[in-house]
C-alpha atoms as a PDB file:
ATOM      1  CA  UNK A   1      -0.452  -0.117   0.097  1.00  0.00           C
ATOM      2  CA  UNK A   2       2.899   2.494   0.790  1.00  0.00           C
ATOM      3  CA  UNK A   3       3.196   5.644  -1.044  1.00  0.00           C
ATOM      4  CA  UNK A   4       6.481   7.120  -2.096  1.00  0.00           C
ATOM      5  CA  UNK A   5       7.850   7.933  -5.632  1.00  0.00           C
ATOM      6  CA  UNK A   6      11.034   6.168  -4.842  1.00  0.00           C
ATOM      7  CA  UNK A   7       9.896   3.078  -2.963  1.00  0.00           C
ATOM      8  CA  UNK A   8       6.401   2.016  -4.128  1.00  0.00           C
ATOM      9  CA  UNK A   9       5.431  -0.965  -1.970  1.00  0.00           C
ATOM     10  CA  UNK A  10       4.430  -2.341   1.318  1.00  0.00           C
ATOM     11  CA  UNK A  11       7.537  -0.675   2.894  1.00  0.00           C
ATOM     12  CA  UNK A  12       8.640   2.419   5.241  1.00  0.00           C
ATOM     13  CA  UNK A  13       8.099   5.354   3.346  1.00  0.00           C
ATOM     14  CA  UNK A  14       5.545   7.761   3.470  1.00  0.00           C
ATOM     15  CA  UNK A  15       4.804  11.146   1.632  1.00  0.00           C
ATOM     16  CA  UNK A  16       7.244  10.781  -0.410  1.00  0.00           C
ATOM     17  CA  UNK A  17      10.039  10.632   2.583  1.00  0.00           C
ATOM     18  CA  UNK A  18      11.890   8.035   4.238  1.00  0.00           C
ATOM     19  CA  UNK A  19      11.767   7.704   8.416  1.00  0.00           C
ATOM     20  CA  UNK A  20      14.764   9.529   9.064  1.00  0.00           C
ATOM     21  CA  UNK A  21      16.754   8.454  12.308  1.00  0.00           C
ATOM     22  CA  UNK A  22      14.878   9.543  15.636  1.00  0.00           C
ATOM     23  CA  UNK A  23      11.340   9.307  13.616  1.00  0.00           C
ATOM     24  CA  UNK A  24       8.388   7.282  13.694  1.00  0.00           C
ATOM     25  CA  UNK A  25       6.289   5.664  10.928  1.00  0.00           C
ATOM     26  CA  UNK A  26       3.397   7.555   9.545  1.00  0.00           C
ATOM     27  CA  UNK A  27       1.539   5.874   6.923  1.00  0.00           C
ATOM     28  CA  UNK A  28       0.339   8.186   4.182  1.00  0.00           C
ATOM     29  CA  UNK A  29      -3.625   7.656   3.592  1.00  0.00           C
ATOM     30  CA  UNK A  30      -4.421  10.062   1.572  1.00  0.00           C
ATOM     31  CA  UNK A  31      -5.328   8.233  -1.643  1.00  0.00           C
ATOM     32  CA  UNK A  32      -7.298   9.000  -4.852  1.00  0.00           C
ATOM     33  CA  UNK A  33     -10.290   9.540  -3.608  1.00  0.00           C
ATOM     34  CA  UNK A  34     -12.862   8.632  -6.936  1.00  0.00           C
ATOM     35  CA  UNK A  35     -14.785   5.942  -6.424  1.00  0.00           C
ATOM     36  CA  UNK A  36     -16.592   3.339  -8.725  1.00  0.00           C
ATOM     37  CA  UNK A  37     -20.424   3.346  -7.604  1.00  0.00           C
ATOM     38  CA  UNK A  38     -23.779   2.263  -8.966  1.00  0.00           C
ATOM     39  CA  UNK A  39     -25.214   5.599  -9.284  1.00  0.00           C
ATOM     40  CA  UNK A  40     -21.683   6.563 -11.241  1.00  0.00           C
ATOM     41  CA  UNK A  41     -21.348  10.050  -9.245  1.00  0.00           C
ATOM     42  CA  UNK A  42     -17.696   9.936  -9.694  1.00  0.00           C
ATOM     43  CA  UNK A  43     -17.913   9.078 -12.933  1.00  0.00           C
ATOM     44  CA  UNK A  44     -17.085   5.387 -13.001  1.00  0.00           C
ATOM     45  CA  UNK A  45     -20.349   3.509 -12.425  1.00  0.00           C
ATOM     46  CA  UNK A  46     -20.764  -0.219 -11.478  1.00  0.00           C
ATOM     47  CA  UNK A  47     -20.175  -1.981 -15.116  1.00  0.00           C
ATOM     48  CA  UNK A  48     -19.399  -5.815 -15.376  1.00  0.00           C
ATOM     49  CA  UNK A  49     -16.100  -6.001 -17.245  1.00  0.00           C
ATOM     50  CA  UNK A  50     -15.082  -2.838 -16.951  1.00  0.00           C
ATOM     51  CA  UNK A  51     -12.699  -2.455 -14.428  1.00  0.00           C
ATOM     52  CA  UNK A  52      -9.303  -4.250 -13.378  1.00  0.00           C
ATOM     53  CA  UNK A  53      -7.991  -4.912  -9.686  1.00  0.00           C
ATOM     54  CA  UNK A  54      -4.332  -4.624  -9.667  1.00  0.00           C
ATOM     55  CA  UNK A  55      -2.679  -6.290  -6.615  1.00  0.00           C
ATOM     56  CA  UNK A  56       0.272  -8.038  -5.380  1.00  0.00           C
ATOM     57  CA  UNK A  57      -0.034 -11.200  -3.961  1.00  0.00           C
ATOM     58  CA  UNK A  58       2.419 -10.263  -1.392  1.00  0.00           C
ATOM     59  CA  UNK A  59       0.951  -6.996  -0.100  1.00  0.00           C
ATOM     60  CA  UNK A  60      -1.490  -7.882   2.829  1.00  0.00           C
ATOM     61  CA  UNK A  61      -3.624  -4.246   1.471  1.00  0.00           C
ATOM     62  CA  UNK A  62      -4.140  -5.751  -1.640  1.00  0.00           C
ATOM     63  CA  UNK A  63      -4.669  -9.206   0.026  1.00  0.00           C
ATOM     64  CA  UNK A  64      -7.802  -7.658   1.728  1.00  0.00           C
ATOM     65  CA  UNK A  65      -9.272  -6.843  -1.722  1.00  0.00           C
ATOM     66  CA  UNK A  66      -8.271 -10.307  -3.486  1.00  0.00           C
ATOM     67  CA  UNK A  67     -10.428 -12.048  -0.549  1.00  0.00           C
ATOM     68  CA  UNK A  68     -13.418 -10.071  -0.382  1.00  0.00           C
ATOM     69  CA  UNK A  69     -13.472 -10.491  -4.335  1.00  0.00           C
ATOM     70  CA  UNK A  70     -13.614 -14.313  -4.209  1.00  0.00           C
ATOM     71  CA  UNK A  71     -15.894 -14.195  -1.097  1.00  0.00           C
ATOM     72  CA  UNK A  72     -18.559 -12.292  -2.860  1.00  0.00           C
ATOM     73  CA  UNK A  73     -18.012 -14.057  -6.345  1.00  0.00           C
ATOM     74  CA  UNK A  74     -17.117 -11.275  -8.247  1.00  0.00           C
ATOM     75  CA  UNK A  75     -14.151 -12.570 -10.490  1.00  0.00           C
ATOM     76  CA  UNK A  76     -15.926 -12.903 -13.496  1.00  0.00           C
ATOM     77  CA  UNK A  77     -17.199  -9.102 -13.070  1.00  0.00           C
ATOM     78  CA  UNK A  78     -14.227  -7.865 -11.835  1.00  0.00           C
ATOM     79  CA  UNK A  79     -10.749  -9.146 -13.543  1.00  0.00           C
ATOM     80  CA  UNK A  80      -7.380  -9.021 -11.414  1.00  0.00           C
ATOM     81  CA  UNK A  81      -4.010  -8.164 -12.610  1.00  0.00           C
ATOM     82  CA  UNK A  82      -1.123  -9.073 -10.489  1.00  0.00           C
ATOM     83  CA  UNK A  83       1.869  -7.830  -9.943  1.00  0.00           C
ATOM     84  CA  UNK A  84       5.206  -9.613  -8.904  1.00  0.00           C
ATOM     85  CA  UNK A  85       6.278  -9.499  -5.304  1.00  0.00           C
ATOM     86  CA  UNK A  86       9.285  -7.255  -5.763  1.00  0.00           C
ATOM     87  CA  UNK A  87       9.304  -4.098  -7.728  1.00  0.00           C
ATOM     88  CA  UNK A  88      11.923  -1.202  -8.521  1.00  0.00           C
ATOM     89  CA  UNK A  89      12.054   2.274  -7.339  1.00  0.00           C
ATOM     90  CA  UNK A  90       9.447   3.408  -9.609  1.00  0.00           C
ATOM     91  CA  UNK A  91       6.290   0.858  -9.731  1.00  0.00           C
ATOM     92  CA  UNK A  92       5.044  -2.335  -8.943  1.00  0.00           C
ATOM     93  CA  UNK A  93       5.778  -4.343 -12.301  1.00  0.00           C
ATOM     94  CA  UNK A  94       3.563  -7.150 -13.676  1.00  0.00           C
ATOM     95  CA  UNK A  95       6.659  -9.196 -14.446  1.00  0.00           C
ATOM     96  CA  UNK A  96       4.555 -12.768 -13.327  1.00  0.00           C
ATOM     97  CA  UNK A  97       2.625 -11.799 -16.968  1.00  0.00           C
ATOM     98  CA  UNK A  98       4.574 -13.519 -20.500  1.00  0.00           C
ATOM     99  CA  UNK A  99       6.828 -10.563 -21.749  1.00  0.00           C
ATOM    100  CA  UNK A 100       6.545  -8.464 -18.132  1.00  0.00           C
ATOM    101  CA  UNK A 101       2.949  -6.879 -19.534  1.00  0.00           C
ATOM    102  CA  UNK A 102      -0.482  -7.032 -17.977  1.00  0.00           C
ATOM    103  CA  UNK A 103      -2.469  -8.830 -20.668  1.00  0.00           C
ATOM    104  CA  UNK A 104      -5.249  -6.825 -20.242  1.00  0.00           C
ATOM    105  CA  UNK A 105      -3.906  -3.243 -19.792  1.00  0.00           C
ATOM    106  CA  UNK A 106      -0.816  -3.878 -22.036  1.00  0.00           C
ATOM    107  CA  UNK A 107       0.949  -1.895 -19.870  1.00  0.00           C
ATOM    108  CA  UNK A 108       4.702  -2.730 -18.034  1.00  0.00           C
ATOM    109  CA  UNK A 109       4.130  -0.971 -15.113  1.00  0.00           C
ATOM    110  CA  UNK A 110       0.728   0.249 -12.737  1.00  0.00           C
ATOM    111  CA  UNK A 111       2.764   3.473 -12.653  1.00  0.00           C
ATOM    112  CA  UNK A 112       1.360   4.020 -16.599  1.00  0.00           C
ATOM    113  CA  UNK A 113      -1.933   3.696 -15.252  1.00  0.00           C
ATOM    114  CA  UNK A 114      -1.581   6.370 -12.684  1.00  0.00           C
ATOM    115  CA  UNK A 115       0.346   8.850 -14.890  1.00  0.00           C
ATOM    116  CA  UNK A 116      -1.985   8.369 -18.020  1.00  0.00           C
ATOM    117  CA  UNK A 117      -4.847  10.006 -15.432  1.00  0.00           C
ATOM    118  CA  UNK A 118      -2.451  12.222 -13.611  1.00  0.00           C
ATOM    119  CA  UNK A 119       0.847  13.024 -15.497  1.00  0.00           C
ATOM    120  CA  UNK A 120       2.224  14.820 -12.589  1.00  0.00           C
ATOM    121  CA  UNK A 121       1.342  12.194  -9.952  1.00  0.00           C
ATOM    122  CA  UNK A 122       3.543  13.057  -6.972  1.00  0.00           C
ATOM    123  CA  UNK A 123       2.861  10.274  -4.808  1.00  0.00           C
ATOM    124  CA  UNK A 124       3.827   6.408  -4.804  1.00  0.00           C
ATOM    125  CA  UNK A 125       2.583   4.001  -7.121  1.00  0.00           C
ATOM    126  CA  UNK A 126       0.331   1.930  -4.599  1.00  0.00           C
ATOM    127  CA  UNK A 127      -1.783  -1.642  -4.976  1.00  0.00           C
ATOM    128  CA  UNK A 128      -4.459  -2.329  -4.667  1.00  0.00           C
ATOM    129  CA  UNK A 129      -5.928  -0.193  -7.621  1.00  0.00           C
ATOM    130  CA  UNK A 130      -8.778  -0.259  -9.402  1.00  0.00           C
ATOM    131  CA  UNK A 131      -8.331   0.408 -13.346  1.00  0.00           C
ATOM    132  CA  UNK A 132     -10.833   1.804 -15.597  1.00  0.00           C
ATOM    133  CA  UNK A 133      -9.854  -0.812 -18.969  1.00  0.00           C
ATOM    134  CA  UNK A 134     -11.555   1.516 -21.039  1.00  0.00           C
ATOM    135  CA  UNK A 135      -9.219   4.159 -20.743  1.00  0.00           C
ATOM    136  CA  UNK A 136      -6.165   2.446 -19.007  1.00  0.00           C
ATOM    137  CA  UNK A 137      -6.338   5.140 -16.571  1.00  0.00           C
ATOM    138  CA  UNK A 138      -6.071   4.338 -12.527  1.00  0.00           C
ATOM    139  CA  UNK A 139      -9.496   5.144 -10.894  1.00  0.00           C
ATOM    140  CA  UNK A 140      -8.575   4.697  -7.018  1.00  0.00           C
ATOM    141  CA  UNK A 141      -6.218   3.356  -4.889  1.00  0.00           C
ATOM    142  CA  UNK A 142      -8.621   4.104  -1.671  1.00  0.00           C
ATOM    143  CA  UNK A 143      -7.810   0.573   0.404  1.00  0.00           C
ATOM    144  CA  UNK A 144     -10.714   0.722   2.884  1.00  0.00           C
ATOM    145  CA  UNK A 145     -13.135   2.135   0.418  1.00  0.00           C
ATOM    146  CA  UNK A 146     -12.506  -0.247  -2.148  1.00  0.00           C
ATOM    147  CA  UNK A 147     -13.488  -3.224  -0.633  1.00  0.00           C
ATOM    148  CA  UNK A 148     -16.328  -1.368   1.356  1.00  0.00           C
ATOM    149  CA  UNK A 149     -17.593  -0.437  -2.340  1.00  0.00           C
ATOM    150  CA  UNK A 150     -17.349  -4.287  -3.621  1.00  0.00           C
ATOM    151  CA  UNK A 151     -19.733  -4.801  -0.706  1.00  0.00           C
ATOM    152  CA  UNK A 152     -22.155  -2.449  -0.970  1.00  0.00           C
ATOM    153  CA  UNK A 153     -21.779  -0.976  -4.517  1.00  0.00           C
ATOM    154  CA  UNK A 154     -21.642  -3.963  -6.618  1.00  0.00           C
ATOM    155  CA  UNK A 155     -24.448  -6.249  -4.819  1.00  0.00           C
ATOM    156  CA  UNK A 156     -26.439  -6.816  -8.270  1.00  0.00           C
ATOM    157  CA  UNK A 157     -23.306  -8.606  -9.485  1.00  0.00           C
ATOM    158  CA  UNK A 158     -22.195 -11.045  -6.327  1.00  0.00           C
ATOM    159  CA  UNK A 159     -22.718 -14.492  -6.506  1.00  0.00           C
ATOM    160  CA  UNK A 160     -25.697 -16.261  -5.302  1.00  0.00           C
ATOM    161  CA  UNK A 161     -25.303 -17.380  -1.431  1.00  0.00           C
ATOM    162  CA  UNK A 162     -22.298 -14.004  -1.134  1.00  0.00           C
ATOM    163  CA  UNK A 163     -22.029 -12.804   2.427  1.00  0.00           C
ATOM    164  CA  UNK A 164     -22.471  -9.737   3.597  1.00  0.00           C
ATOM    165  CA  UNK A 165     -19.546  -8.647   4.788  1.00  0.00           C
ATOM    166  CA  UNK A 166     -20.266  -5.211   5.936  1.00  0.00           C
ATOM    167  CA  UNK A 167     -23.905  -5.740   7.660  1.00  0.00           C
ATOM    168  CA  UNK A 168     -25.654  -2.143   7.967  1.00  0.00           C
ATOM    169  CA  UNK A 169     -26.716  -3.127  11.567  1.00  0.00           C
ATOM    170  CA  UNK A 170     -22.687  -3.814  12.493  1.00  0.00           C
ATOM    171  CA  UNK A 171     -21.358  -1.194  10.236  1.00  0.00           C
ATOM    172  CA  UNK A 172     -20.738   1.398  13.521  1.00  0.00           C
ATOM    173  CA  UNK A 173     -18.933  -1.234  15.525  1.00  0.00           C
ATOM    174  CA  UNK A 174     -17.221  -3.162  12.599  1.00  0.00           C
ATOM    175  CA  UNK A 175     -15.574   0.563  11.190  1.00  0.00           C
ATOM    176  CA  UNK A 176     -14.645   0.936  15.345  1.00  0.00           C
ATOM    177  CA  UNK A 177     -12.775  -2.393  15.540  1.00  0.00           C
ATOM    178  CA  UNK A 178     -11.561  -1.851  12.462  1.00  0.00           C
ATOM    179  CA  UNK A 179      -9.728   1.661  12.917  1.00  0.00           C
ATOM    180  CA  UNK A 180      -8.388  -0.051  16.760  1.00  0.00           C
ATOM    181  CA  UNK A 181      -6.916  -2.655  14.421  1.00  0.00           C
ATOM    182  CA  UNK A 182      -5.220  -0.562  11.336  1.00  0.00           C
ATOM    183  CA  UNK A 183      -3.380   1.991  13.563  1.00  0.00           C
ATOM    184  CA  UNK A 184      -2.176  -0.762  16.506  1.00  0.00           C
ATOM    185  CA  UNK A 185      -1.781  -4.069  14.428  1.00  0.00           C
ATOM    186  CA  UNK A 186      -2.192  -3.732  10.300  1.00  0.00           C
ATOM    187  CA  UNK A 187      -0.124  -0.322  10.357  1.00  0.00           C
ATOM    188  CA  UNK A 188       1.798  -1.319  14.293  1.00  0.00           C
ATOM    189  CA  UNK A 189       3.977  -4.031  12.655  1.00  0.00           C
ATOM    190  CA  UNK A 190       4.979  -1.309  10.169  1.00  0.00           C
ATOM    191  CA  UNK A 191       5.625   1.335  13.142  1.00  0.00           C
ATOM    192  CA  UNK A 192       7.545  -1.143  14.725  1.00  0.00           C
ATOM    193  CA  UNK A 193       9.582  -2.466  11.608  1.00  0.00           C
ATOM    194  CA  UNK A 194      10.298   1.366  10.433  1.00  0.00           C
ATOM    195  CA  UNK A 195      10.710   3.463  13.459  1.00  0.00           C
ATOM    196  CA  UNK A 196      13.744   5.805  13.669  1.00  0.00           C
ATOM    197  CA  UNK A 197      14.448   5.494  17.355  1.00  0.00           C
ATOM    198  CA  UNK A 198      14.571   2.999  20.123  1.00  0.00           C
ATOM    199  CA  UNK A 199      11.829   4.944  22.224  1.00  0.00           C
ATOM    200  CA  UNK A 200       9.407   4.976  18.856  1.00  0.00           C
ATOM    201  CA  UNK A 201       9.897   1.248  18.197  1.00  0.00           C
ATOM    202  CA  UNK A 202       9.376   0.359  22.091  1.00  0.00           C
ATOM    203  CA  UNK A 203       6.219   2.446  22.029  1.00  0.00           C
ATOM    204  CA  UNK A 204       5.065   0.593  18.732  1.00  0.00           C
ATOM    205  CA  UNK A 205       5.766  -2.647  20.217  1.00  0.00           C
ATOM    206  CA  UNK A 206       3.600  -2.234  23.339  1.00  0.00           C
ATOM    207  CA  UNK A 207       0.878  -0.518  21.174  1.00  0.00           C
ATOM    208  CA  UNK A 208       0.687  -3.549  19.107  1.00  0.00           C
ATOM    209  CA  UNK A 209       0.879  -6.401  21.382  1.00  0.00           C
ATOM    210  CA  UNK A 210      -1.820  -4.498  23.860  1.00  0.00           C
ATOM    211  CA  UNK A 211      -4.096  -4.636  21.135  1.00  0.00           C
ATOM    212  CA  UNK A 212      -3.190  -7.980  19.937  1.00  0.00           C
ATOM    213  CA  UNK A 213      -3.827  -8.815  24.143  1.00  0.00           C
ATOM    214  CA  UNK A 214      -7.150  -7.137  23.352  1.00  0.00           C
ATOM    215  CA  UNK A 215      -8.209  -9.065  20.098  1.00  0.00           C
ATOM    216  CA  UNK A 216      -7.591 -12.452  22.111  1.00  0.00           C
ATOM    217  CA  UNK A 217      -9.731 -11.355  24.968  1.00  0.00           C
ATOM    218  CA  UNK A 218     -12.469 -10.552  22.185  1.00  0.00           C
ATOM    219  CA  UNK A 219     -12.308 -13.430  20.719  1.00  0.00           C
ATOM    220  CA  UNK A 220     -12.059 -15.932  23.221  1.00  0.00           C
ATOM    221  CA  UNK A 221     -15.770 -15.982  23.952  1.00  0.00           C
ATOM    222  CA  UNK A 222     -16.937 -15.264  19.960  1.00  0.00           C
ATOM    223  CA  UNK A 223     -15.578 -16.804  17.096  1.00  0.00           C
ATOM    224  CA  UNK A 224     -15.711 -13.416  15.121  1.00  0.00           C
ATOM    225  CA  UNK A 225     -14.512  -9.750  15.677  1.00  0.00           C
ATOM    226  CA  UNK A 226     -17.872  -8.433  15.197  1.00  0.00           C
ATOM    227  CA  UNK A 227     -21.357 -10.400  14.923  1.00  0.00           C
ATOM    228  CA  UNK A 228     -21.435 -14.539  14.605  1.00  0.00           C
ATOM    229  CA  UNK A 229     -20.343 -14.003  10.802  1.00  0.00           C
ATOM    230  CA  UNK A 230     -17.127 -12.993   8.794  1.00  0.00           C
ATOM    231  CA  UNK A 231     -17.093  -9.853   8.618  1.00  0.00           C
ATOM    232  CA  UNK A 232     -15.064  -6.791   6.985  1.00  0.00           C
ATOM    233  CA  UNK A 233     -12.886  -6.421  10.034  1.00  0.00           C
ATOM    234  CA  UNK A 234     -12.104 -10.412  10.000  1.00  0.00           C
ATOM    235  CA  UNK A 235     -10.533  -9.825   6.596  1.00  0.00           C
ATOM    236  CA  UNK A 236      -8.903  -6.795   7.539  1.00  0.00           C
ATOM    237  CA  UNK A 237      -6.964  -8.465  10.431  1.00  0.00           C
ATOM    238  CA  UNK A 238      -6.405 -11.807   8.845  1.00  0.00           C
ATOM    239  CA  UNK A 239      -4.071 -10.395   6.147  1.00  0.00           C
ATOM    240  CA  UNK A 240      -1.859  -8.888   8.827  1.00  0.00           C
ATOM    241  CA  UNK A 241      -1.857 -12.357  11.116  1.00  0.00           C
ATOM    242  CA  UNK A 242      -1.238 -14.666   8.102  1.00  0.00           C
ATOM    243  CA  UNK A 243       2.070 -12.462   7.769  1.00  0.00           C
ATOM    244  CA  UNK A 244       2.883 -12.271  10.981  1.00  0.00           C
ATOM    245  CA  UNK A 245       5.369 -15.158  11.640  1.00  0.00           C
ATOM    246  CA  UNK A 246       7.077 -15.645   8.236  1.00  0.00           C
ATOM    247  CA  UNK A 247       7.822 -11.675   8.226  1.00  0.00           C
ATOM    248  CA  UNK A 248       6.670  -9.895  11.098  1.00  0.00           C
ATOM    249  CA  UNK A 249       8.062 -11.603  13.929  1.00  0.00           C
ATOM    250  CA  UNK A 250      11.532 -11.455  12.523  1.00  0.00           C
ATOM    251  CA  UNK A 251      12.091  -8.459  10.013  1.00  0.00           C
ATOM    252  CA  UNK A 252       9.855  -5.569  12.059  1.00  0.00           C
ATOM    253  CA  UNK A 253      10.841  -7.109  15.194  1.00  0.00           C
ATOM    254  CA  UNK A 254       7.129  -8.265  16.559  1.00  0.00           C
ATOM    255  CA  UNK A 255       8.714 -10.529  18.496  1.00  0.00           C
ATOM    256  CA  UNK A 256       7.209 -11.124  21.569  1.00  0.00           C
ATOM    257  CA  UNK A 257       5.395 -13.947  20.995  1.00  0.00           C
ATOM    258  CA  UNK A 258       4.986 -15.624  17.221  1.00  0.00           C
ATOM    259  CA  UNK A 259       1.356 -15.645  16.418  1.00  0.00           C
ATOM    260  CA  UNK A 260       1.806 -19.293  16.967  1.00  0.00           C
ATOM    261  CA  UNK A 261       2.619 -18.794  20.539  1.00  0.00           C
ATOM    262  CA  UNK A 262      -0.762 -16.496  20.865  1.00  0.00           C
ATOM    263  CA  UNK A 263      -3.541 -19.653  21.789  1.00  0.00           C
ATOM    264  CA  UNK A 264      -6.511 -18.093  20.871  1.00  0.00           C
ATOM    265  CA  UNK A 265      -5.311 -15.556  18.259  1.00  0.00           C
ATOM    266  CA  UNK A 266      -3.554 -18.887  16.378  1.00  0.00           C
ATOM    267  CA  UNK A 267      -7.094 -20.758  16.628  1.00  0.00           C
ATOM    268  CA  UNK A 268      -8.585 -17.827  15.471  1.00  0.00           C
ATOM    269  CA  UNK A 269      -6.614 -16.967  12.182  1.00  0.00           C
ATOM    270  CA  UNK A 270      -6.407 -21.175  11.327  1.00  0.00           C
ATOM    271  CA  UNK A 271     -10.204 -20.988  11.305  1.00  0.00           C
ATOM    272  CA  UNK A 272      -9.947 -18.296   8.766  1.00  0.00           C
ATOM    273  CA  UNK A 273      -7.465 -19.987   6.844  1.00  0.00           C
ATOM    274  CA  UNK A 274      -9.410 -23.099   6.526  1.00  0.00           C
ATOM    275  CA  UNK A 275     -12.184 -21.021   5.352  1.00  0.00           C
ATOM    276  CA  UNK A 276     -12.333 -21.155   1.342  1.00  0.00           C
ATOM    277  CA  UNK A 277     -11.434 -17.606   0.349  1.00  0.00           C
ATOM    278  CA  UNK A 278      -8.623 -16.829   2.766  1.00  0.00           C
ATOM    279  CA  UNK A 279      -5.865 -19.463   3.059  1.00  0.00           C
ATOM    280  CA  UNK A 280      -6.555 -20.297  -0.801  1.00  0.00           C
ATOM    281  CA  UNK A 281      -5.608 -17.193  -1.405  1.00  0.00           C
ATOM    282  CA  UNK A 282      -2.146 -16.804   0.601  1.00  0.00           C
ATOM    283  CA  UNK A 283       1.014 -16.862  -1.695  1.00  0.00           C
ATOM    284  CA  UNK A 284       3.449 -17.720   0.996  1.00  0.00           C
ATOM    285  CA  UNK A 285       7.020 -17.234  -1.105  1.00  0.00           C
ATOM    286  CA  UNK A 286       5.640 -14.170  -2.813  1.00  0.00           C
ATOM    287  CA  UNK A 287       4.803 -12.668   0.755  1.00  0.00           C
ATOM    288  CA  UNK A 288       8.474 -13.501   1.823  1.00  0.00           C
ATOM    289  CA  UNK A 289      10.257 -12.503  -1.922  1.00  0.00           C
ATOM    290  CA  UNK A 290       8.584  -9.157  -1.058  1.00  0.00           C
ATOM    291  CA  UNK A 291       9.573  -8.293   2.288  1.00  0.00           C
ATOM    292  CA  UNK A 292      12.944  -9.685   2.060  1.00  0.00           C
ATOM    293  CA  UNK A 293      13.881  -8.693  -1.293  1.00  0.00           C
ATOM    294  CA  UNK A 294      12.527  -4.764  -1.273  1.00  0.00           C
ATOM    295  CA  UNK A 295      13.578  -3.797   2.178  1.00  0.00           C
ATOM    296  CA  UNK A 296      17.243  -3.622   1.353  1.00  0.00           C
ATOM    297  CA  UNK A 297      17.946  -1.288   4.715  1.00  0.00           C
ATOM    298  CA  UNK A 298      16.967  -4.112   6.999  1.00  0.00           C
ATOM    299  CA  UNK A 299      17.957  -7.041   4.794  1.00  0.00           C
ATOM    300  CA  UNK A 300      20.823  -5.616   2.957  1.00  0.00           C
ATOM    301  CA  UNK A 301      21.982  -9.327   1.710  1.00  0.00           C
ATOM    302  CA  UNK A 302      18.101  -9.748   0.284  1.00  0.00           C
ATOM    303  CA  UNK A 303      18.638 -13.477   1.673  1.00  0.00           C
ATOM    304  CA  UNK A 304      15.326 -15.138   1.863  1.00  0.00           C
ATOM    305  CA  UNK A 305      14.520 -17.094   4.756  1.00  0.00           C
ATOM    306  CA  UNK A 306      13.590 -20.943   4.010  1.00  0.00           C
ATOM    307  CA  UNK A 307      10.902 -21.202   6.915  1.00  0.00           C
ATOM    308  CA  UNK A 308       8.843 -21.241   8.559  1.00  0.00           C
ATOM    309  CA  UNK A 309       6.971 -24.197   8.200  1.00  0.00           C
ATOM    310  CA  UNK A 310       3.583 -23.364   6.805  1.00  0.00           C
ATOM    311  CA  UNK A 311       2.033 -27.009   7.462  1.00  0.00           C
ATOM    312  CA  UNK A 312       0.754 -25.706  10.942  1.00  0.00           C
ATOM    313  CA  UNK A 313      -2.097 -23.572   9.347  1.00  0.00           C
ATOM    314  CA  UNK A 314      -3.841 -26.999   8.433  1.00  0.00           C
ATOM    315  CA  UNK A 315      -4.127 -28.209  11.771  1.00  0.00           C
ATOM    316  CA  UNK A 316      -7.536 -28.333  12.675  1.00  0.00           C
ATOM    317  CA  UNK A 317      -8.959 -25.535  14.919  1.00  0.00           C
ATOM    318  CA  UNK A 318     -11.685 -25.459  18.036  1.00  0.00           C
ATOM    319  CA  UNK A 319     -13.215 -22.217  16.930  1.00  0.00           C
ATOM    320  CA  UNK A 320     -16.774 -23.906  15.799  1.00  0.00           C
ATOM    321  CA  UNK A 321     -17.238 -24.978  19.329  1.00  0.00           C
ATOM    322  CA  UNK A 322     -18.148 -20.901  19.680  1.00  0.00           C
ATOM    323  CA  UNK A 323     -20.854 -21.295  17.029  1.00  0.00           C
ATOM    324  CA  UNK A 324     -21.011 -18.479  14.749  1.00  0.00           C
ATOM    325  CA  UNK A 325     -21.962 -18.888  10.859  1.00  0.00           C
ATOM    326  CA  UNK A 326     -18.811 -18.136   8.775  1.00  0.00           C
ATOM    327  CA  UNK A 327     -21.614 -17.060   5.734  1.00  0.00           C
ATOM    328  CA  UNK A 328     -24.444 -16.129   7.788  1.00  0.00           C
ATOM    329  CA  UNK A 329     -27.211 -17.407   5.828  1.00  0.00           C
ATOM    330  CA  UNK A 330     -24.872 -17.546   2.300  1.00  0.00           C
ATOM    331  CA  UNK A 331     -22.342 -20.186   1.464  1.00  0.00           C
ATOM    332  CA  UNK A 332     -18.863 -20.746   0.832  1.00  0.00           C
ATOM    333  CA  UNK A 333     -17.566 -19.994  -2.611  1.00  0.00           C
ATOM    334  CA  UNK A 334     -16.932 -22.408  -4.902  1.00  0.00           C
ATOM    335  CA  UNK A 335     -12.986 -24.239  -4.948  1.00  0.00           C
ATOM    336  CA  UNK A 336     -10.746 -22.566  -6.757  1.00  0.00           C
ATOM    337  CA  UNK A 337     -10.041 -23.238 -10.213  1.00  0.00           C
ATOM    338  CA  UNK A 338     -14.382 -23.989 -10.693  1.00  0.00           C
END
C-alpha cells in the first residue's frame, strides 16, 4: 500500500520521504478518492467487465481486496491483474506475466495507469488499484473504500449465496474495531519495523501487543470480531496475522511472541485460513520475497528465509465450538479453479 515515488511497495516510506533517525513511521493515507458506485456519481459507474483490480499477492493491503472479491464471487465481473512480489524504485511491475506486460491493460508498470490519468502524479504507485480498462487510467487506490464498495455498490453482481461482509446494523462496530486494528496492528507492525528510534519502536511494540491481547480477550468468547459471521473486520485482521510469523516477528522485530504462541489468535487465524477464500489466496513465497528482497535497509543481503514451515496452518482448530456461521445465510465460494 505505501506511497512514495522512490520506494513504492509495502515498505517504510510515507509522503515521499524515508523515515529518518529519531522519527516515527506515519503511513500516508491520502488516497485517490474517486469511487466506482452504482449511480456513477464520480464518473465511474458499476459495470461488469469494465474495471481491472490490480494487486500484488505479497501486499497485505491488496490481499484484502483479493479475499473480498473472491468471497463475493466477483471474479467474472472484475478482472484481476497481479504484480510480482518485488519492484524497483519506480513502480510495481507485471513481471509475472508473459513479456512483463499485463495482458489486459497492455502496460509493464502500474505506474503507467496512474500517470495516464495524473501526468504529474506526485505520490507512490500503490496496490490495490482499480483501473478503468476503457481508458487505461487508474480510478482509485483507496484501500479501505475499495473493499467496502465491493460489498455495498456491486451487490447486483454478487454470486448467489455471497456473504454480507458489511451488514448495515453492524457497520458502526465494524468501523470502530477496524480502526483500532488498523492503527495498532495492520499499521502497527510497520511502526515497529520502520521506527527511527528505540523509543518509537518500543511504543509501537507495546501498542501492537496490547492490541493483540485485547483481540485475544475479545475473541476468546466469540468466533468472529463483530457479530456471528465473517465481516470486513475479520478480513482486515487476517491479512496481517497470516504474515506475522513469516515476516513481522523477525523482519519487523515484533517478537514478544509468534502468532503460533498466542492460543486464541492462532486458533482464530487458522479458522479463517481454512475457510474458502482466505487460505487459498495466500502466496507464502511471494510474501517472503517481497519483504526480504525489497526492504534492503532492513535486510541488505536480500536473503529470504527458508522457513517457517506453514504446514501448521492446516492443523484443526476448535473455533466451531463458539458457534457462529462463517457465511451467515450464504454459502462458501466454490473451490479455486471451478
